[in-house]
Amino acid sequence: AINFASMKASVRSGDIRKAFKCCMEAAALVKREVLSGVRDSTAGLPRVLTGDVHRAWQQCFLTSIYTQAVATCAPFEALVLITLGALSNQTGCSKHGIQDVLDKMQGIASASGNNLYMPPPTFDELLGLLTRLGE
């Protein structure tokens, strides 16, 4: 299970901390199942299996609050959130200038090839989107 978590983390991000977090979440998941009676522990200590790691990985990283937020947004709001996430991943910083956000949004919108995001928002439209998302 630990090897599975480390391989998944290396494929997704290369960050070993995510593998450790996934293993901790899988262990907590198994513990909750044992305490609630869903999983039998009469054969000794319960073991964390590959399937447990897979479920923990999905809970931790695939159903994050950001993924849920993007899924429920209007298209341009989702584009703003995706742009901010991409800039944060790219720079390692969570603060960005408006022009940086506009430039990145234009690049992402163009690269997506989806007419839903074209033309990308203007400066005034972006300020409106950010105001709505901030509420």
Protein backbone atom coordinates (compact mmCIF):
# COMPACT_ATOMS: atom_id res chain seq x y z
CA ALA A 1 0.00 0.00 0.00
CA ILE A 2 2.89 2.36 0.77
CA ASN A 3 4.52 1.58 -2.58
CA PHE A 4 1.20 2.23 -4.32
CA ALA A 5 0.83 5.61 -2.57
CA SER A 6 4.37 6.65 -3.44
CA MET A 7 3.93 5.66 -7.10
CA LYS A 8 0.64 7.58 -7.30
CA ALA A 9 2.23 10.65 -5.73
CA SER A 10 5.26 10.51 -8.03
CA VAL A 11 3.05 10.26 -11.13
CA ARG A 12 0.74 13.08 -10.02
CA SER A 13 3.10 15.61 -8.49
CA GLY A 14 6.45 14.18 -7.46
CA ASP A 15 5.77 15.38 -3.90
CA ILE A 16 6.48 12.66 -1.33
CA ARG A 17 4.51 14.61 1.28
CA LYS A 18 1.35 13.78 -0.66
CA ALA A 19 2.21 10.08 -0.44
CA PHE A 20 2.64 10.35 3.33
CA LYS A 21 -0.61 12.29 3.67
CA CYS A 22 -2.39 9.67 1.58
CA CYS A 23 -1.03 6.86 3.79
CA MET A 24 -2.12 8.69 6.94
CA GLU A 25 -5.60 9.23 5.49
CA ALA A 26 -5.82 5.56 4.48
CA ALA A 27 -4.84 4.48 8.01
CA ALA A 28 -7.45 6.84 9.48
CA LEU A 29 -10.04 5.46 7.06
CA VAL A 30 -9.28 1.88 8.14
CA LYS A 31 -9.40 2.89 11.81
CA ARG A 32 -12.82 4.52 11.34
CA GLU A 33 -14.09 1.39 9.59
CA VAL A 34 -12.84 -0.86 12.39
CA LEU A 35 -14.35 1.35 15.10
CA SER A 36 -17.69 1.57 13.31
CA GLY A 37 -17.79 -2.20 12.75
CA VAL A 38 -17.64 -1.99 8.96
CA ARG A 39 -14.31 -3.84 8.90
CA ASP A 40 -13.51 -6.96 10.90
CA SER A 41 -10.39 -6.82 13.04
CA THR A 42 -10.67 -10.19 14.78
CA ALA A 43 -7.72 -11.60 12.81
CA GLY A 44 -5.29 -9.24 14.51
CA LEU A 45 -4.32 -5.71 13.64
CA PRO A 46 -6.16 -4.29 10.65
CA ARG A 47 -4.06 -3.74 7.56
CA VAL A 48 -4.10 -0.86 5.15
CA LEU A 49 -4.52 -2.30 1.67
CA THR A 50 -4.00 -0.83 -1.77
CA GLY A 51 -7.75 -0.28 -2.15
CA ASP A 52 -7.74 1.76 1.07
CA VAL A 53 -4.95 3.95 -0.29
CA HIS A 54 -6.86 4.40 -3.54
CA ARG A 55 -10.02 5.51 -1.69
CA ALA A 56 -8.01 7.85 0.54
CA TRP A 57 -6.29 9.31 -2.54
CA GLN A 58 -9.66 10.05 -4.13
CA GLN A 59 -10.98 11.67 -0.97
CA CYS A 60 -7.86 13.75 -0.42
CA PHE A 61 -6.94 14.92 -3.87
CA LEU A 62 -9.74 14.32 -6.33
CA THR A 63 -12.64 15.70 -4.33
CA SER A 64 -10.92 18.70 -2.85
CA ILE A 65 -12.81 21.87 -2.12
CA TYR A 66 -11.19 23.44 -5.18
CA THR A 67 -12.40 20.70 -7.49
CA GLN A 68 -15.90 21.06 -6.08
CA ALA A 69 -15.77 24.84 -6.41
CA VAL A 70 -14.71 24.68 -10.05
CA ALA A 71 -17.43 22.14 -10.82
CA THR A 72 -20.17 24.43 -9.49
CA CYS A 73 -18.96 27.71 -11.03
CA ALA A 74 -20.03 29.53 -14.14
CA PRO A 75 -17.52 29.01 -17.00
CA PHE A 76 -15.61 32.28 -16.54
CA GLU A 77 -15.55 31.87 -12.76
CA ALA A 78 -14.07 28.40 -13.25
CA LEU A 79 -11.51 29.90 -15.64
CA VAL A 80 -10.49 32.41 -12.94
CA LEU A 81 -10.07 29.66 -10.33
CA ILE A 82 -8.11 27.46 -12.72
CA THR A 83 -5.92 30.42 -13.67
CA LEU A 84 -5.20 31.29 -10.04
CA GLY A 85 -4.34 27.66 -9.30
CA ALA A 86 -2.05 27.46 -12.33
CA LEU A 87 -0.27 30.68 -11.36
CA SER A 88 0.15 29.49 -7.77
CA ASN A 89 1.58 26.16 -8.93
CA GLN A 90 3.84 27.87 -11.44
CA THR A 91 5.22 30.59 -9.14
CA GLY A 92 4.79 29.06 -5.69
CA CYS A 93 3.16 32.31 -4.60
CA SER A 94 -0.50 32.96 -3.85
CA LYS A 95 -0.47 36.68 -4.71
CA HIS A 96 -0.60 37.75 -8.35
CA GLY A 97 -1.06 40.96 -10.26
CA ILE A 98 -4.19 41.53 -12.31
CA GLN A 99 -2.19 41.70 -15.54
CA ASP A 100 -0.55 38.35 -14.75
CA VAL A 101 -3.99 36.83 -14.17
CA LEU A 102 -5.36 38.34 -17.40
CA ASP A 103 -2.39 37.06 -19.43
CA LYS A 104 -2.62 33.57 -17.95
CA MET A 105 -6.39 33.48 -18.47
CA GLN A 106 -5.95 34.38 -22.12
CA GLY A 107 -3.36 31.63 -22.53
CA ILE A 108 -5.51 29.00 -20.82
CA ALA A 109 -8.63 30.05 -22.73
CA SER A 110 -6.79 29.91 -26.06
CA ALA A 111 -5.13 26.58 -25.26
CA SER A 112 -8.40 24.98 -24.21
CA GLY A 113 -9.82 25.38 -27.70
CA ASN A 114 -13.27 25.72 -26.14
CA ASN A 115 -15.37 28.58 -27.51
CA LEU A 116 -17.05 28.78 -24.11
CA TYR A 117 -14.02 30.68 -22.79
CA MET A 118 -13.55 32.94 -25.81
CA PRO A 119 -13.05 35.81 -25.85
CA PRO A 120 -11.42 35.82 -22.40
CA PRO A 121 -12.69 38.36 -19.86
CA THR A 122 -11.55 41.98 -19.98
CA PHE A 123 -10.04 43.84 -17.03
CA ASP A 124 -13.44 45.12 -15.85
CA GLU A 125 -15.06 41.71 -16.27
CA LEU A 126 -12.25 40.08 -14.31
CA LEU A 127 -12.74 42.54 -11.43
CA GLY A 128 -16.44 41.65 -11.42
CA LEU A 129 -15.66 37.93 -11.39
CA LEU A 130 -13.19 38.33 -8.55
CA THR A 131 -15.71 40.37 -6.56
CA ARG A 132 -18.38 37.68 -6.99
CA LEU A 133 -15.96 34.90 -6.08
CA GLY A 134 -14.83 36.84 -3.02
CA GLU A 135 -18.35 37.05 -1.61
